[in-house]
All heavy atoms as atom14 arrays in JSON, in Angstrom:
{
  "sequence": "YRTEARGLLTRYVEARLDPQLRTRATFRELLVITQGIHDELWKG",
  "atom14_mask": [
    [1, 1, 1, 1, 1, 1, 1, 1, 1, 1, 1, 1, 0, 0],
    [1, 1, 1, 1, 1, 1, 1, 1, 1, 1, 1, 0, 0, 0],
    [1, 1, 1, 1, 1, 1, 1, 0, 0, 0, 0, 0, 0, 0],
    [1, 1, 1, 1, 1, 1, 1, 1, 1, 0, 0, 0, 0, 0],
    [1, 1, 1, 1, 1, 0, 0, 0, 0, 0, 0, 0, 0, 0],
    [1, 1, 1, 1, 1, 1, 1, 1, 1, 1, 1, 0, 0, 0],
    [1, 1, 1, 1, 0, 0, 0, 0, 0, 0, 0, 0, 0, 0],
    [1, 1, 1, 1, 1, 1, 1, 1, 0, 0, 0, 0, 0, 0],
    [1, 1, 1, 1, 1, 1, 1, 1, 0, 0, 0, 0, 0, 0],
    [1, 1, 1, 1, 1, 1, 1, 0, 0, 0, 0, 0, 0, 0],
    [1, 1, 1, 1, 1, 1, 1, 1, 1, 1, 1, 0, 0, 0],
    [1, 1, 1, 1, 1, 1, 1, 1, 1, 1, 1, 1, 0, 0],
    [1, 1, 1, 1, 1, 1, 1, 0, 0, 0, 0, 0, 0, 0],
    [1, 1, 1, 1, 1, 1, 1, 1, 1, 0, 0, 0, 0, 0],
    [1, 1, 1, 1, 1, 0, 0, 0, 0, 0, 0, 0, 0, 0],
    [1, 1, 1, 1, 1, 1, 1, 1, 1, 1, 1, 0, 0, 0],
    [1, 1, 1, 1, 1, 1, 1, 1, 0, 0, 0, 0, 0, 0],
    [1, 1, 1, 1, 1, 1, 1, 1, 0, 0, 0, 0, 0, 0],
    [1, 1, 1, 1, 1, 1, 1, 0, 0, 0, 0, 0, 0, 0],
    [1, 1, 1, 1, 1, 1, 1, 1, 1, 0, 0, 0, 0, 0],
    [1, 1, 1, 1, 1, 1, 1, 1, 0, 0, 0, 0, 0, 0],
    [1, 1, 1, 1, 1, 1, 1, 1, 1, 1, 1, 0, 0, 0],
    [1, 1, 1, 1, 1, 1, 1, 0, 0, 0, 0, 0, 0, 0],
    [1, 1, 1, 1, 1, 1, 1, 1, 1, 1, 1, 0, 0, 0],
    [1, 1, 1, 1, 1, 0, 0, 0, 0, 0, 0, 0, 0, 0],
    [1, 1, 1, 1, 1, 1, 1, 0, 0, 0, 0, 0, 0, 0],
    [1, 1, 1, 1, 1, 1, 1, 1, 1, 1, 1, 0, 0, 0],
    [1, 1, 1, 1, 1, 1, 1, 1, 1, 1, 1, 0, 0, 0],
    [1, 1, 1, 1, 1, 1, 1, 1, 1, 0, 0, 0, 0, 0],
    [1, 1, 1, 1, 1, 1, 1, 1, 0, 0, 0, 0, 0, 0],
    [1, 1, 1, 1, 1, 1, 1, 1, 0, 0, 0, 0, 0, 0],
    [1, 1, 1, 1, 1, 1, 1, 0, 0, 0, 0, 0, 0, 0],
    [1, 1, 1, 1, 1, 1, 1, 1, 0, 0, 0, 0, 0, 0],
    [1, 1, 1, 1, 1, 1, 1, 0, 0, 0, 0, 0, 0, 0],
    [1, 1, 1, 1, 1, 1, 1, 1, 1, 0, 0, 0, 0, 0],
    [1, 1, 1, 1, 0, 0, 0, 0, 0, 0, 0, 0, 0, 0],
    [1, 1, 1, 1, 1, 1, 1, 1, 0, 0, 0, 0, 0, 0],
    [1, 1, 1, 1, 1, 1, 1, 1, 1, 1, 0, 0, 0, 0],
    [1, 1, 1, 1, 1, 1, 1, 1, 0, 0, 0, 0, 0, 0],
    [1, 1, 1, 1, 1, 1, 1, 1, 1, 0, 0, 0, 0, 0],
    [1, 1, 1, 1, 1, 1, 1, 1, 0, 0, 0, 0, 0, 0],
    [1, 1, 1, 1, 1, 1, 1, 1, 1, 1, 1, 1, 1, 1],
    [1, 1, 1, 1, 1, 1, 1, 1, 1, 0, 0, 0, 0, 0],
    [1, 1, 1, 1, 0, 0, 0, 0, 0, 0, 0, 0, 0, 0]
  ],
  "atom14_positions": [
    [[0.82, -1.22, 0.0], [0.0, 0.0, 0.0], [0.85, 1.27, 0.0], [0.46, 2.27, -0.58], [-0.94, -0.02, 1.21], [-1.99, -1.09, 1.16], [-1.88, -2.25, 1.91], [-3.1, -0.95, 0.34], [-2.84, -3.25, 1.85], [-4.08, -1.93, 0.28], [-3.94, -3.08, 1.04], [-4.9, -4.06, 0.97], [0.0, 0.0, 0.0], [0.0, 0.0, 0.0]],
    [[2.01, 1.21, 0.68], [2.86, 2.4, 0.76], [3.3, 2.85, -0.64], [3.13, 4.01, -1.02], [4.07, 2.11, 1.62], [5.05, 3.29, 1.71], [6.33, 2.85, 2.39], [6.04, 2.25, 3.69], [6.84, 1.39, 4.3], [7.96, 0.99, 3.71], [6.51, 0.91, 5.48], [0.0, 0.0, 0.0], [0.0, 0.0, 0.0], [0.0, 0.0, 0.0]],
    [[3.86, 1.91, -1.4], [4.33, 2.25, -2.74], [3.17, 2.64, -3.65], [3.27, 3.59, -4.45], [5.08, 1.06, -3.35], [6.19, 0.71, -2.5], [5.61, 1.39, -4.75], [0.0, 0.0, 0.0], [0.0, 0.0, 0.0], [0.0, 0.0, 0.0], [0.0, 0.0, 0.0], [0.0, 0.0, 0.0], [0.0, 0.0, 0.0], [0.0, 0.0, 0.0]],
    [[2.07, 1.94, -3.52], [0.9, 2.24, -4.36], [0.36, 3.63, -4.05], [0.05, 4.41, -4.97], [-0.19, 1.2, -4.12], [-1.44, 1.43, -4.96], [-2.52, 0.41, -4.67], [-2.25, -0.57, -3.95], [-3.66, 0.6, -5.16], [0.0, 0.0, 0.0], [0.0, 0.0, 0.0], [0.0, 0.0, 0.0], [0.0, 0.0, 0.0], [0.0, 0.0, 0.0]],
    [[0.24, 3.98, -2.76], [-0.29, 5.29, -2.38], [0.64, 6.41, -2.86], [0.17, 7.43, -3.37], [-0.46, 5.36, -0.87], [0.0, 0.0, 0.0], [0.0, 0.0, 0.0], [0.0, 0.0, 0.0], [0.0, 0.0, 0.0], [0.0, 0.0, 0.0], [0.0, 0.0, 0.0], [0.0, 0.0, 0.0], [0.0, 0.0, 0.0], [0.0, 0.0, 0.0]],
    [[1.93, 6.22, -2.7], [2.88, 7.25, -3.15], [2.81, 7.43, -4.66], [2.88, 8.56, -5.16], [4.29, 6.86, -2.72], [4.57, 7.08, -1.24], [6.01, 6.75, -0.91], [6.47, 7.49, 0.25], [7.73, 7.7, 0.55], [8.68, 7.22, -0.24], [8.07, 8.38, 1.63], [0.0, 0.0, 0.0], [0.0, 0.0, 0.0], [0.0, 0.0, 0.0]],
    [[2.68, 6.32, -5.38], [2.56, 6.42, -6.83], [1.3, 7.15, -7.26], [1.32, 7.97, -8.18], [0.0, 0.0, 0.0], [0.0, 0.0, 0.0], [0.0, 0.0, 0.0], [0.0, 0.0, 0.0], [0.0, 0.0, 0.0], [0.0, 0.0, 0.0], [0.0, 0.0, 0.0], [0.0, 0.0, 0.0], [0.0, 0.0, 0.0], [0.0, 0.0, 0.0]],
    [[0.19, 6.87, -6.58], [-1.06, 7.53, -6.91], [-1.01, 9.03, -6.6], [-1.51, 9.85, -7.38], [-2.21, 6.88, -6.13], [-2.64, 5.49, -6.6], [-3.63, 4.88, -5.62], [-3.27, 5.56, -7.99], [0.0, 0.0, 0.0], [0.0, 0.0, 0.0], [0.0, 0.0, 0.0], [0.0, 0.0, 0.0], [0.0, 0.0, 0.0], [0.0, 0.0, 0.0]],
    [[-0.41, 9.38, -5.48], [-0.28, 10.79, -5.12], [0.59, 11.53, -6.13], [0.31, 12.68, -6.49], [0.3, 10.92, -3.71], [-0.64, 10.49, -2.57], [0.12, 10.39, -1.26], [-1.8, 11.46, -2.44], [0.0, 0.0, 0.0], [0.0, 0.0, 0.0], [0.0, 0.0, 0.0], [0.0, 0.0, 0.0], [0.0, 0.0, 0.0], [0.0, 0.0, 0.0]],
    [[1.66, 10.87, -6.59], [2.51, 11.49, -7.61], [1.74, 11.68, -8.91], [1.84, 12.73, -9.55], [3.75, 10.62, -7.86], [4.46, 10.43, -6.63], [4.69, 11.29, -8.86], [0.0, 0.0, 0.0], [0.0, 0.0, 0.0], [0.0, 0.0, 0.0], [0.0, 0.0, 0.0], [0.0, 0.0, 0.0], [0.0, 0.0, 0.0], [0.0, 0.0, 0.0]],
    [[0.95, 10.68, -9.29], [0.13, 10.8, -10.5], [-0.88, 11.94, -10.36], [-1.15, 12.66, -11.33], [-0.62, 9.49, -10.76], [0.21, 8.41, -11.44], [-0.6, 7.13, -11.54], [-1.94, 7.39, -12.08], [-2.97, 6.57, -11.93], [-2.82, 5.44, -11.24], [-4.14, 6.87, -12.46], [0.0, 0.0, 0.0], [0.0, 0.0, 0.0], [0.0, 0.0, 0.0]],
    [[-1.4, 12.11, -9.15], [-2.38, 13.17, -8.92], [-1.75, 14.55, -9.16], [-2.33, 15.39, -9.87], [-2.89, 13.08, -7.48], [-3.82, 14.2, -7.09], [-5.16, 14.18, -7.44], [-3.35, 15.31, -6.38], [-6.01, 15.22, -7.1], [-4.19, 16.35, -6.03], [-5.51, 16.31, -6.4], [-6.35, 17.34, -6.06], [0.0, 0.0, 0.0], [0.0, 0.0, 0.0]],
    [[-0.56, 14.78, -8.6], [0.1, 16.07, -8.78], [0.5, 16.27, -10.23], [0.38, 17.38, -10.77], [1.32, 16.18, -7.85], [2.03, 17.51, -8.06], [0.89, 16.04, -6.38], [0.0, 0.0, 0.0], [0.0, 0.0, 0.0], [0.0, 0.0, 0.0], [0.0, 0.0, 0.0], [0.0, 0.0, 0.0], [0.0, 0.0, 0.0], [0.0, 0.0, 0.0]],
    [[0.95, 15.21, -10.89], [1.32, 15.32, -12.3], [0.1, 15.71, -13.14], [0.21, 16.53, -14.07], [1.91, 14.0, -12.79], [3.3, 13.72, -12.26], [3.81, 12.34, -12.66], [2.97, 11.47, -13.01], [5.04, 12.12, -12.6], [0.0, 0.0, 0.0], [0.0, 0.0, 0.0], [0.0, 0.0, 0.0], [0.0, 0.0, 0.0], [0.0, 0.0, 0.0]],
    [[-1.06, 15.12, -12.82], [-2.28, 15.48, -13.56], [-2.67, 16.93, -13.31], [-3.09, 17.63, -14.23], [-3.42, 14.54, -13.16], [0.0, 0.0, 0.0], [0.0, 0.0, 0.0], [0.0, 0.0, 0.0], [0.0, 0.0, 0.0], [0.0, 0.0, 0.0], [0.0, 0.0, 0.0], [0.0, 0.0, 0.0], [0.0, 0.0, 0.0], [0.0, 0.0, 0.0]],
    [[-2.52, 17.37, -12.08], [-2.87, 18.76, -11.75], [-1.96, 19.75, -12.46], [-2.36, 20.88, -12.74], [-2.78, 18.96, -10.24], [-3.87, 18.29, -9.45], [-5.17, 19.07, -9.49], [-5.05, 20.29, -8.69], [-4.9, 21.52, -9.16], [-4.86, 21.73, -10.46], [-4.8, 22.55, -8.36], [0.0, 0.0, 0.0], [0.0, 0.0, 0.0], [0.0, 0.0, 0.0]],
    [[-0.73, 19.34, -12.76], [0.23, 20.24, -13.4], [0.27, 20.08, -14.92], [0.92, 20.89, -15.58], [1.63, 20.0, -12.84], [1.87, 20.44, -11.39], [3.24, 19.98, -10.92], [1.75, 21.94, -11.26], [0.0, 0.0, 0.0], [0.0, 0.0, 0.0], [0.0, 0.0, 0.0], [0.0, 0.0, 0.0], [0.0, 0.0, 0.0], [0.0, 0.0, 0.0]],
    [[-0.39, 19.07, -15.45], [-0.36, 18.83, -16.88], [-1.0, 20.0, -17.62], [-2.2, 20.24, -17.47], [-1.09, 17.53, -17.21], [-0.9, 17.1, -18.66], [-0.47, 17.94, -19.48], [-1.17, 15.93, -18.97], [0.0, 0.0, 0.0], [0.0, 0.0, 0.0], [0.0, 0.0, 0.0], [0.0, 0.0, 0.0], [0.0, 0.0, 0.0], [0.0, 0.0, 0.0]],
    [[-0.24, 20.73, -18.43], [-0.82, 21.91, -19.1], [-1.94, 21.54, -20.06], [-2.83, 22.36, -20.33], [0.39, 22.52, -19.84], [1.37, 21.4, -19.97], [1.17, 20.55, -18.77], [0.0, 0.0, 0.0], [0.0, 0.0, 0.0], [0.0, 0.0, 0.0], [0.0, 0.0, 0.0], [0.0, 0.0, 0.0], [0.0, 0.0, 0.0], [0.0, 0.0, 0.0]],
    [[-1.92, 20.32, -20.6], [-2.97, 19.91, -21.53], [-4.29, 19.6, -20.82], [-5.33, 19.52, -21.46], [-2.51, 18.68, -22.31], [-1.32, 18.95, -23.21], [-0.91, 17.73, -24.01], [-1.43, 16.64, -23.79], [0.02, 17.91, -24.92], [0.0, 0.0, 0.0], [0.0, 0.0, 0.0], [0.0, 0.0, 0.0], [0.0, 0.0, 0.0], [0.0, 0.0, 0.0]],
    [[-4.22, 19.42, -19.48], [-5.43, 19.12, -18.72], [-5.93, 20.34, -17.94], [-6.91, 20.22, -17.21], [-5.16, 17.97, -17.74], [-4.85, 16.62, -18.36], [-4.52, 15.6, -17.27], [-6.02, 16.11, -19.21], [0.0, 0.0, 0.0], [0.0, 0.0, 0.0], [0.0, 0.0, 0.0], [0.0, 0.0, 0.0], [0.0, 0.0, 0.0], [0.0, 0.0, 0.0]],
    [[-5.25, 21.48, -18.08], [-5.62, 22.65, -17.3], [-6.23, 23.73, -18.18], [-6.06, 24.92, -17.94], [-4.4, 23.19, -16.55], [-3.91, 22.27, -15.45], [-2.65, 22.78, -14.78], [-2.84, 24.14, -14.3], [-2.07, 25.16, -14.66], [-1.07, 24.98, -15.5], [-2.29, 26.36, -14.18], [0.0, 0.0, 0.0], [0.0, 0.0, 0.0], [0.0, 0.0, 0.0]],
    [[-6.94, 23.33, -19.21], [-7.64, 24.27, -20.07], [-9.14, 24.06, -19.9], [-9.59, 23.08, -19.31], [-7.26, 24.06, -21.54], [-7.69, 22.76, -21.96], [-5.74, 24.16, -21.73], [0.0, 0.0, 0.0], [0.0, 0.0, 0.0], [0.0, 0.0, 0.0], [0.0, 0.0, 0.0], [0.0, 0.0, 0.0], [0.0, 0.0, 0.0], [0.0, 0.0, 0.0]],
    [[-9.92, 24.98, -20.43], [-11.36, 24.87, -20.31], [-11.88, 23.63, -21.03], [-12.79, 22.96, -20.56], [-12.02, 26.12, -20.89], [-11.63, 27.39, -20.16], [-12.23, 28.61, -20.82], [-11.79, 29.83, -20.17], [-12.14, 31.04, -20.55], [-12.95, 31.19, -21.57], [-11.7, 32.12, -19.91], [0.0, 0.0, 0.0], [0.0, 0.0, 0.0], [0.0, 0.0, 0.0]],
    [[-11.26, 23.32, -22.18], [-11.76, 22.2, -22.98], [-11.5, 20.85, -22.31], [-12.23, 19.89, -22.54], [-11.1, 22.23, -24.36], [0.0, 0.0, 0.0], [0.0, 0.0, 0.0], [0.0, 0.0, 0.0], [0.0, 0.0, 0.0], [0.0, 0.0, 0.0], [0.0, 0.0, 0.0], [0.0, 0.0, 0.0], [0.0, 0.0, 0.0], [0.0, 0.0, 0.0]],
    [[-10.44, 20.76, -21.51], [-10.07, 19.48, -20.9], [-10.38, 19.43, -19.41], [-9.89, 18.55, -18.7], [-8.57, 19.2, -21.11], [-7.8, 20.28, -20.56], [-8.24, 19.06, -22.59], [0.0, 0.0, 0.0], [0.0, 0.0, 0.0], [0.0, 0.0, 0.0], [0.0, 0.0, 0.0], [0.0, 0.0, 0.0], [0.0, 0.0, 0.0], [0.0, 0.0, 0.0]],
    [[-11.18, 20.37, -18.92], [-11.49, 20.4, -17.49], [-12.22, 19.13, -17.05], [-11.99, 18.6, -15.97], [-12.34, 21.63, -17.18], [-12.52, 21.89, -15.71], [-11.52, 22.5, -14.98], [-13.67, 21.51, -15.06], [-11.68, 22.74, -13.63], [-13.84, 21.75, -13.71], [-12.84, 22.37, -13.0], [0.0, 0.0, 0.0], [0.0, 0.0, 0.0], [0.0, 0.0, 0.0]],
    [[-13.08, 18.62, -17.9], [-13.82, 17.4, -17.58], [-12.86, 16.23, -17.41], [-12.99, 15.42, -16.48], [-14.84, 17.09, -18.67], [-15.64, 15.82, -18.43], [-16.47, 15.49, -19.66], [-17.45, 16.52, -19.92], [-18.66, 16.54, -19.39], [-19.03, 15.6, -18.54], [-19.51, 17.5, -19.69], [0.0, 0.0, 0.0], [0.0, 0.0, 0.0], [0.0, 0.0, 0.0]],
    [[-11.9, 16.1, -18.32], [-10.94, 15.0, -18.26], [-10.1, 15.07, -16.98], [-9.85, 14.05, -16.33], [-10.03, 15.03, -19.49], [-9.06, 13.87, -19.57], [-8.2, 13.92, -20.81], [-8.48, 14.75, -21.7], [-7.23, 13.13, -20.9], [0.0, 0.0, 0.0], [0.0, 0.0, 0.0], [0.0, 0.0, 0.0], [0.0, 0.0, 0.0], [0.0, 0.0, 0.0]],
    [[-9.66, 16.28, -16.61], [-8.89, 16.44, -15.38], [-9.71, 16.03, -14.17], [-9.22, 15.36, -13.25], [-8.43, 17.89, -15.24], [-7.71, 18.26, -13.94], [-6.43, 17.45, -13.78], [-7.42, 19.76, -13.89], [0.0, 0.0, 0.0], [0.0, 0.0, 0.0], [0.0, 0.0, 0.0], [0.0, 0.0, 0.0], [0.0, 0.0, 0.0], [0.0, 0.0, 0.0]],
    [[-10.97, 16.41, -14.16], [-11.85, 16.08, -13.05], [-12.03, 14.57, -12.91], [-11.99, 14.02, -11.81], [-13.21, 16.75, -13.24], [-14.23, 16.59, -12.12], [-13.7, 17.18, -10.84], [-15.55, 17.23, -12.51], [0.0, 0.0, 0.0], [0.0, 0.0, 0.0], [0.0, 0.0, 0.0], [0.0, 0.0, 0.0], [0.0, 0.0, 0.0], [0.0, 0.0, 0.0]],
    [[-12.19, 13.88, -14.03], [-12.34, 12.42, -14.0], [-11.08, 11.75, -13.47], [-11.14, 10.82, -12.65], [-12.68, 11.9, -15.41], [-12.61, 10.37, -15.46], [-14.06, 12.37, -15.85], [0.0, 0.0, 0.0], [0.0, 0.0, 0.0], [0.0, 0.0, 0.0], [0.0, 0.0, 0.0], [0.0, 0.0, 0.0], [0.0, 0.0, 0.0], [0.0, 0.0, 0.0]],
    [[-9.91, 12.22, -13.91], [-8.64, 11.62, -13.48], [-8.43, 11.81, -11.98], [-8.11, 10.85, -11.25], [-7.46, 12.23, -14.27], [-7.53, 11.79, -15.73], [-6.12, 11.8, -13.66], [-6.5, 12.46, -16.62], [0.0, 0.0, 0.0], [0.0, 0.0, 0.0], [0.0, 0.0, 0.0], [0.0, 0.0, 0.0], [0.0, 0.0, 0.0], [0.0, 0.0, 0.0]],
    [[-8.62, 13.02, -11.49], [-8.36, 13.29, -10.07], [-9.36, 12.56, -9.17], [-8.98, 12.02, -8.13], [-8.42, 14.79, -9.8], [-9.66, 15.34, -10.29], [-7.27, 15.52, -10.49], [0.0, 0.0, 0.0], [0.0, 0.0, 0.0], [0.0, 0.0, 0.0], [0.0, 0.0, 0.0], [0.0, 0.0, 0.0], [0.0, 0.0, 0.0], [0.0, 0.0, 0.0]],
    [[-10.61, 12.52, -9.58], [-11.59, 11.79, -8.78], [-11.32, 10.29, -8.78], [-11.52, 9.61, -7.77], [-13.0, 12.07, -9.31], [-13.5, 13.47, -8.99], [-14.92, 13.71, -9.45], [-15.42, 13.03, -10.34], [-15.57, 14.69, -8.85], [0.0, 0.0, 0.0], [0.0, 0.0, 0.0], [0.0, 0.0, 0.0], [0.0, 0.0, 0.0], [0.0, 0.0, 0.0]],
    [[-10.83, 9.77, -9.91], [-10.46, 8.36, -9.96], [-9.3, 8.03, -9.02], [-9.31, 6.99, -8.35], [0.0, 0.0, 0.0], [0.0, 0.0, 0.0], [0.0, 0.0, 0.0], [0.0, 0.0, 0.0], [0.0, 0.0, 0.0], [0.0, 0.0, 0.0], [0.0, 0.0, 0.0], [0.0, 0.0, 0.0], [0.0, 0.0, 0.0], [0.0, 0.0, 0.0]],
    [[-8.31, 8.92, -8.96], [-7.18, 8.72, -8.05], [-7.65, 8.79, -6.6], [-7.22, 7.99, -5.75], [-6.08, 9.76, -8.33], [-5.46, 9.52, -9.71], [-4.99, 9.7, -7.26], [-4.46, 10.56, -10.14], [0.0, 0.0, 0.0], [0.0, 0.0, 0.0], [0.0, 0.0, 0.0], [0.0, 0.0, 0.0], [0.0, 0.0, 0.0], [0.0, 0.0, 0.0]],
    [[-8.53, 9.71, -6.29], [-9.09, 9.79, -4.94], [-9.78, 8.48, -4.55], [-9.61, 7.99, -3.43], [-10.08, 10.95, -4.85], [-9.44, 12.28, -4.85], [-10.13, 13.45, -5.13], [-8.17, 12.67, -4.61], [-9.31, 14.48, -5.06], [-8.11, 14.02, -4.75], [0.0, 0.0, 0.0], [0.0, 0.0, 0.0], [0.0, 0.0, 0.0], [0.0, 0.0, 0.0]],
    [[-10.55, 7.95, -5.48], [-11.27, 6.7, -5.19], [-10.3, 5.55, -4.92], [-10.53, 4.75, -3.99], [-12.19, 6.35, -6.37], [-13.35, 7.33, -6.53], [-13.64, 8.05, -5.55], [-13.93, 7.38, -7.63], [0.0, 0.0, 0.0], [0.0, 0.0, 0.0], [0.0, 0.0, 0.0], [0.0, 0.0, 0.0], [0.0, 0.0, 0.0], [0.0, 0.0, 0.0]],
    [[-9.25, 5.47, -5.69], [-8.27, 4.41, -5.48], [-7.56, 4.56, -4.14], [-7.35, 3.57, -3.42], [-7.25, 4.41, -6.62], [-7.81, 3.98, -7.97], [-6.72, 3.87, -9.02], [-5.74, 3.15, -8.79], [-6.85, 4.54, -10.07], [0.0, 0.0, 0.0], [0.0, 0.0, 0.0], [0.0, 0.0, 0.0], [0.0, 0.0, 0.0], [0.0, 0.0, 0.0]],
    [[-7.18, 5.79, -3.8], [-6.51, 6.03, -2.52], [-7.43, 5.68, -1.36], [-7.01, 5.06, -0.38], [-6.08, 7.5, -2.43], [-4.87, 7.9, -3.28], [-4.74, 9.43, -3.33], [-3.58, 7.3, -2.71], [0.0, 0.0, 0.0], [0.0, 0.0, 0.0], [0.0, 0.0, 0.0], [0.0, 0.0, 0.0], [0.0, 0.0, 0.0], [0.0, 0.0, 0.0]],
    [[-8.68, 6.09, -1.47], [-9.62, 5.83, -0.37], [-9.94, 4.34, -0.26], [-10.1, 3.82, 0.86], [-10.89, 6.64, -0.57], [-11.76, 6.64, 0.65], [-12.88, 5.9, 0.87], [-11.53, 7.39, 1.85], [-13.38, 6.16, 2.11], [-12.57, 7.07, 2.74], [-10.56, 8.31, 2.23], [-12.66, 7.63, 4.0], [-10.65, 8.88, 3.49], [-11.68, 8.53, 4.36]],
    [[-10.02, 3.67, -1.37], [-10.28, 2.23, -1.34], [-9.16, 1.49, -0.61], [-9.4, 0.62, 0.23], [-10.43, 1.7, -2.76], [-10.71, 0.21, -2.83], [-10.85, -0.25, -4.27], [-11.08, -1.75, -4.34], [-11.2, -2.22, -5.75], [0.0, 0.0, 0.0], [0.0, 0.0, 0.0], [0.0, 0.0, 0.0], [0.0, 0.0, 0.0], [0.0, 0.0, 0.0]],
    [[-7.9, 1.86, -0.93], [-6.77, 1.24, -0.25], [-6.76, 1.54, 1.24], [-6.48, 0.65, 2.07], [0.0, 0.0, 0.0], [0.0, 0.0, 0.0], [0.0, 0.0, 0.0], [0.0, 0.0, 0.0], [0.0, 0.0, 0.0], [0.0, 0.0, 0.0], [0.0, 0.0, 0.0], [0.0, 0.0, 0.0], [0.0, 0.0, 0.0], [0.0, 0.0, 0.0]]
  ]
}
C-alpha cells in the first residue's frame, strides 16, 4: 500500500500540473482523473 499510495499521489500532482489538462476544454478530463485517483486512494 505504501508504494501504491505514493505512486497515486505522484500521479495526482502530475495530472494537476499537466498543461494539456488545465484548459477549459479538458477540465472534464482532469476532473475524471483526479476523482479516480481519490477513489483508489480511499479504497486502499
